[in-house]
Amino acid sequence: MENANSTNQASRLDNIDQYIIDAMRKDGREAFAQIAEKLNVSPGMIRQRYNRLVELGYLKVVAVTNPLMMGMRTMALIGIHTDGHRMLQIAEEISQIDEVVYLVVVGGRYDIICEVFCRDHEDLLKFLTEKLAKVEGIRETESFIHLKIVKEIYF
């Protein structure tokens, strides 16, 4: 989600475009022929629409890994307070750290919230003390360790 002001672009999508997006979100490997059959159109039309949606940035094709299967047993959200005048620089610097998988600049209690995946608690401690703590301009952090993922969807 690169731009929160994309409501004008979404209104340019017709029902076929929306159906393709929904189908790909549910199963990114669904065949164009299956989608075409459900919509009573040609597979070529679906392929053409799909390519346009990718080209315009509505769809992005990625592989989603399971962090637990990849050996990442400790996940945490971290709320970060920063020196306000350096907030964006600090966010950029934190985003370059390997363990960080998600990072947003927010309004409210924190300036930045990031999500990290680590192998174990020791790895998380190493991340906090040897990587995050060395970023100049961070005033305070608060960590929330994931105990159980109840819902996880991708847009």
C-alpha atoms as a PDB file:
ATOM      1  CA  MET A   1       0.000   0.000   0.000  1.00  0.00           C
ATOM      2  CA  GLU A   2       2.135   2.796  -1.266  1.00  0.00           C
ATOM      3  CA  ASN A   3      -0.435   5.567  -1.437  1.00  0.00           C
ATOM      4  CA  ALA A   4      -3.481   5.855   0.787  1.00  0.00           C
ATOM      5  CA  ASN A   5      -5.071   8.384  -1.614  1.00  0.00           C
ATOM      6  CA  SER A   6      -5.881   5.875  -4.352  1.00  0.00           C
ATOM      7  CA  THR A   7      -9.680   6.021  -4.174  1.00  0.00           C
ATOM      8  CA  ASN A   8      -9.856   7.809  -7.552  1.00  0.00           C
ATOM      9  CA  GLN A   9      -7.890   5.001  -9.187  1.00  0.00           C
ATOM     10  CA  ALA A  10     -10.092   2.316  -7.634  1.00  0.00           C
ATOM     11  CA  SER A  11     -13.159   3.906  -9.207  1.00  0.00           C
ATOM     12  CA  ARG A  12     -11.605   3.279 -12.650  1.00  0.00           C
ATOM     13  CA  LEU A  13     -11.860  -0.477 -12.132  1.00  0.00           C
ATOM     14  CA  ASP A  14     -14.835  -2.236 -13.656  1.00  0.00           C
ATOM     15  CA  ASN A  15     -16.481  -5.431 -12.400  1.00  0.00           C
ATOM     16  CA  ILE A  16     -14.161  -7.672 -14.418  1.00  0.00           C
ATOM     17  CA  ASP A  17     -11.050  -5.961 -13.067  1.00  0.00           C
ATOM     18  CA  GLN A  18     -12.410  -6.220  -9.525  1.00  0.00           C
ATOM     19  CA  TYR A  19     -13.230  -9.918 -10.005  1.00  0.00           C
ATOM     20  CA  ILE A  20      -9.694 -10.624 -11.270  1.00  0.00           C
ATOM     21  CA  ILE A  21      -8.198  -8.845  -8.258  1.00  0.00           C
ATOM     22  CA  ASP A  22     -10.434 -10.755  -5.837  1.00  0.00           C
ATOM     23  CA  ALA A  23      -9.672 -14.083  -7.532  1.00  0.00           C
ATOM     24  CA  MET A  24      -5.914 -13.459  -7.454  1.00  0.00           C
ATOM     25  CA  ARG A  25      -6.075 -12.435  -3.801  1.00  0.00           C
ATOM     26  CA  LYS A  26      -7.820 -15.704  -2.886  1.00  0.00           C
ATOM     27  CA  ASP A  27      -5.573 -17.896  -5.047  1.00  0.00           C
ATOM     28  CA  GLY A  28      -2.770 -16.252  -6.998  1.00  0.00           C
ATOM     29  CA  ARG A  29      -2.342 -19.430  -9.043  1.00  0.00           C
ATOM     30  CA  GLU A  30      -5.897 -19.628 -10.385  1.00  0.00           C
ATOM     31  CA  ALA A  31      -5.777 -20.147 -14.127  1.00  0.00           C
ATOM     32  CA  PHE A  32      -6.936 -17.352 -16.391  1.00  0.00           C
ATOM     33  CA  ALA A  33      -9.133 -19.912 -18.169  1.00  0.00           C
ATOM     34  CA  GLN A  34     -10.992 -20.640 -14.919  1.00  0.00           C
ATOM     35  CA  ILE A  35     -11.553 -16.957 -14.231  1.00  0.00           C
ATOM     36  CA  ALA A  36     -12.651 -16.418 -17.839  1.00  0.00           C
ATOM     37  CA  GLU A  37     -15.124 -19.297 -17.601  1.00  0.00           C
ATOM     38  CA  LYS A  38     -16.708 -17.858 -14.454  1.00  0.00           C
ATOM     39  CA  LEU A  39     -17.074 -14.455 -16.156  1.00  0.00           C
ATOM     40  CA  ASN A  40     -18.080 -15.884 -19.545  1.00  0.00           C
ATOM     41  CA  VAL A  41     -15.249 -14.087 -21.371  1.00  0.00           C
ATOM     42  CA  SER A  42     -12.115 -15.273 -23.167  1.00  0.00           C
ATOM     43  CA  PRO A  43      -8.913 -16.277 -21.315  1.00  0.00           C
ATOM     44  CA  GLY A  44      -7.072 -13.790 -23.558  1.00  0.00           C
ATOM     45  CA  MET A  45      -9.187 -10.961 -22.190  1.00  0.00           C
ATOM     46  CA  ILE A  46      -8.383 -12.020 -18.621  1.00  0.00           C
ATOM     47  CA  ARG A  47      -4.654 -12.245 -19.438  1.00  0.00           C
ATOM     48  CA  GLN A  48      -4.758  -8.785 -21.017  1.00  0.00           C
ATOM     49  CA  ARG A  49      -6.648  -7.299 -18.065  1.00  0.00           C
ATOM     50  CA  TYR A  50      -4.335  -9.023 -15.577  1.00  0.00           C
ATOM     51  CA  ASN A  51      -1.224  -7.664 -17.316  1.00  0.00           C
ATOM     52  CA  ARG A  52      -2.731  -4.165 -17.318  1.00  0.00           C
ATOM     53  CA  LEU A  53      -3.557  -4.417 -13.598  1.00  0.00           C
ATOM     54  CA  VAL A  54       0.038  -5.454 -12.865  1.00  0.00           C
ATOM     55  CA  GLU A  55       1.476  -2.735 -15.100  1.00  0.00           C
ATOM     56  CA  LEU A  56      -0.672  -0.042 -13.469  1.00  0.00           C
ATOM     57  CA  GLY A  57       0.271  -1.226  -9.979  1.00  0.00           C
ATOM     58  CA  TYR A  58      -3.099  -2.593  -8.853  1.00  0.00           C
ATOM     59  CA  LEU A  59      -1.630  -6.092  -8.548  1.00  0.00           C
ATOM     60  CA  LYS A  60       1.805  -7.163  -7.444  1.00  0.00           C
ATOM     61  CA  VAL A  61       2.905 -10.757  -7.827  1.00  0.00           C
ATOM     62  CA  VAL A  62       4.940 -12.065  -4.892  1.00  0.00           C
ATOM     63  CA  ALA A  63       5.591 -15.296  -3.045  1.00  0.00           C
ATOM     64  CA  VAL A  64       4.408 -15.164   0.555  1.00  0.00           C
ATOM     65  CA  THR A  65       6.516 -17.269   2.854  1.00  0.00           C
ATOM     66  CA  ASN A  66       5.510 -18.766   6.170  1.00  0.00           C
ATOM     67  CA  PRO A  67       7.944 -17.291   8.720  1.00  0.00           C
ATOM     68  CA  LEU A  68       7.475 -20.228  11.085  1.00  0.00           C
ATOM     69  CA  MET A  69       8.467 -22.691   8.360  1.00  0.00           C
ATOM     70  CA  MET A  70      11.470 -20.474   7.570  1.00  0.00           C
ATOM     71  CA  GLY A  71      12.721 -20.809  11.163  1.00  0.00           C
ATOM     72  CA  MET A  72      11.455 -17.437  12.395  1.00  0.00           C
ATOM     73  CA  ARG A  73       9.841 -18.388  15.702  1.00  0.00           C
ATOM     74  CA  THR A  74       9.762 -14.929  17.335  1.00  0.00           C
ATOM     75  CA  MET A  75       7.804 -12.083  15.832  1.00  0.00           C
ATOM     76  CA  ALA A  76       7.212  -8.679  17.395  1.00  0.00           C
ATOM     77  CA  LEU A  77       5.662  -5.302  16.737  1.00  0.00           C
ATOM     78  CA  ILE A  78       7.789  -2.439  17.991  1.00  0.00           C
ATOM     79  CA  GLY A  79       6.490   1.045  18.715  1.00  0.00           C
ATOM     80  CA  ILE A  80       9.219   3.663  18.332  1.00  0.00           C
ATOM     81  CA  HIS A  81       9.472   7.257  19.605  1.00  0.00           C
ATOM     82  CA  THR A  82      11.957   9.385  17.666  1.00  0.00           C
ATOM     83  CA  ASP A  83      13.474  12.804  17.554  1.00  0.00           C
ATOM     84  CA  GLY A  84      10.710  14.401  15.484  1.00  0.00           C
ATOM     85  CA  HIS A  85      12.948  16.312  13.098  1.00  0.00           C
ATOM     86  CA  ARG A  86      14.672  13.059  12.032  1.00  0.00           C
ATOM     87  CA  MET A  87      11.625  10.768  11.965  1.00  0.00           C
ATOM     88  CA  LEU A  88      11.683   9.988   8.229  1.00  0.00           C
ATOM     89  CA  GLN A  89      15.459   9.490   8.176  1.00  0.00           C
ATOM     90  CA  ILE A  90      15.181   7.129  11.145  1.00  0.00           C
ATOM     91  CA  ALA A  91      12.336   5.214   9.456  1.00  0.00           C
ATOM     92  CA  GLU A  92      14.445   4.800   6.321  1.00  0.00           C
ATOM     93  CA  GLU A  93      17.426   3.584   8.339  1.00  0.00           C
ATOM     94  CA  ILE A  94      15.334   1.060  10.296  1.00  0.00           C
ATOM     95  CA  SER A  95      13.742  -0.189   7.065  1.00  0.00           C
ATOM     96  CA  GLN A  96      17.176  -1.327   5.874  1.00  0.00           C
ATOM     97  CA  ILE A  97      17.603  -3.803   8.755  1.00  0.00           C
ATOM     98  CA  ASP A  98      17.048  -7.401   7.610  1.00  0.00           C
ATOM     99  CA  GLU A  99      14.737  -8.455  10.438  1.00  0.00           C
ATOM    100  CA  VAL A 100      12.270  -5.634   9.673  1.00  0.00           C
ATOM    101  CA  VAL A 101       9.446  -6.881   7.446  1.00  0.00           C
ATOM    102  CA  TYR A 102       6.953  -4.050   7.846  1.00  0.00           C
ATOM    103  CA  LEU A 103       7.411  -0.416   8.818  1.00  0.00           C
ATOM    104  CA  VAL A 104       4.994   2.524   8.940  1.00  0.00           C
ATOM    105  CA  VAL A 105       5.260   6.115  10.092  1.00  0.00           C
ATOM    106  CA  VAL A 106       2.167   6.765  12.191  1.00  0.00           C
ATOM    107  CA  GLY A 107       0.375   9.455  14.128  1.00  0.00           C
ATOM    108  CA  GLY A 108      -0.515   8.784  17.736  1.00  0.00           C
ATOM    109  CA  ARG A 109       1.387   7.279  20.620  1.00  0.00           C
ATOM    110  CA  TYR A 110       4.376   6.242  18.483  1.00  0.00           C
ATOM    111  CA  ASP A 111       6.151   7.820  15.544  1.00  0.00           C
ATOM    112  CA  ILE A 112       7.045   4.542  13.845  1.00  0.00           C
ATOM    113  CA  ILE A 113       5.742   1.009  14.149  1.00  0.00           C
ATOM    114  CA  CYS A 114       7.709  -1.876  12.711  1.00  0.00           C
ATOM    115  CA  GLU A 115       7.252  -5.619  12.631  1.00  0.00           C
ATOM    116  CA  VAL A 116      10.245  -7.899  12.936  1.00  0.00           C
ATOM    117  CA  PHE A 117      10.796 -11.625  12.428  1.00  0.00           C
ATOM    118  CA  CYS A 118      13.581 -13.250  14.425  1.00  0.00           C
ATOM    119  CA  ARG A 119      14.738 -16.835  14.896  1.00  0.00           C
ATOM    120  CA  ASP A 120      14.194 -16.836  18.657  1.00  0.00           C
ATOM    121  CA  HIS A 121      14.125 -14.588  21.733  1.00  0.00           C
ATOM    122  CA  GLU A 122      17.914 -14.373  21.780  1.00  0.00           C
ATOM    123  CA  ASP A 123      17.886 -13.175  18.164  1.00  0.00           C
ATOM    124  CA  LEU A 124      15.227 -10.568  19.047  1.00  0.00           C
ATOM    125  CA  LEU A 125      17.345  -9.348  21.961  1.00  0.00           C
ATOM    126  CA  LYS A 126      20.339  -9.083  19.630  1.00  0.00           C
ATOM    127  CA  PHE A 127      18.225  -7.111  17.143  1.00  0.00           C
ATOM    128  CA  LEU A 128      17.015  -4.715  19.857  1.00  0.00           C
ATOM    129  CA  THR A 129      20.407  -4.145  21.484  1.00  0.00           C
ATOM    130  CA  GLU A 130      22.841  -4.410  18.575  1.00  0.00           C
ATOM    131  CA  LYS A 131      20.859  -3.006  15.675  1.00  0.00           C
ATOM    132  CA  LEU A 132      17.827  -0.955  16.670  1.00  0.00           C
ATOM    133  CA  ALA A 133      19.433   0.686  19.718  1.00  0.00           C
ATOM    134  CA  LYS A 134      22.287   1.933  17.529  1.00  0.00           C
ATOM    135  CA  VAL A 135      19.984   3.976  15.282  1.00  0.00           C
ATOM    136  CA  GLU A 136      20.624   7.577  16.260  1.00  0.00           C
ATOM    137  CA  GLY A 137      17.519   9.565  17.104  1.00  0.00           C
ATOM    138  CA  ILE A 138      15.461   6.764  18.629  1.00  0.00           C
ATOM    139  CA  ARG A 139      14.317   7.946  22.042  1.00  0.00           C
ATOM    140  CA  GLU A 140      12.286   4.979  23.231  1.00  0.00           C
ATOM    141  CA  THR A 141      10.846   1.666  22.031  1.00  0.00           C
ATOM    142  CA  GLU A 142       8.137  -0.679  23.236  1.00  0.00           C
ATOM    143  CA  SER A 143       8.029  -4.279  22.009  1.00  0.00           C
ATOM    144  CA  PHE A 144       4.952  -6.448  21.637  1.00  0.00           C
ATOM    145  CA  ILE A 145       5.845 -10.101  21.054  1.00  0.00           C
ATOM    146  CA  HIS A 146       3.374 -12.091  18.950  1.00  0.00           C
ATOM    147  CA  LEU A 147       1.886 -14.914  20.999  1.00  0.00           C
ATOM    148  CA  LYS A 148      -0.531 -16.183  18.355  1.00  0.00           C
ATOM    149  CA  ILE A 149      -1.518 -14.994  14.887  1.00  0.00           C
ATOM    150  CA  VAL A 150      -5.303 -15.110  14.794  1.00  0.00           C
ATOM    151  CA  LYS A 151      -5.876 -13.515  11.385  1.00  0.00           C
ATOM    152  CA  GLU A 152      -3.511 -12.726   8.555  1.00  0.00           C
ATOM    153  CA  ILE A 153      -4.627 -11.455   5.157  1.00  0.00           C
ATOM    154  CA  TYR A 154      -2.829  -9.751   2.293  1.00  0.00           C
ATOM    155  CA  PHE A 155      -4.321  -6.971   0.195  1.00  0.00           C
END
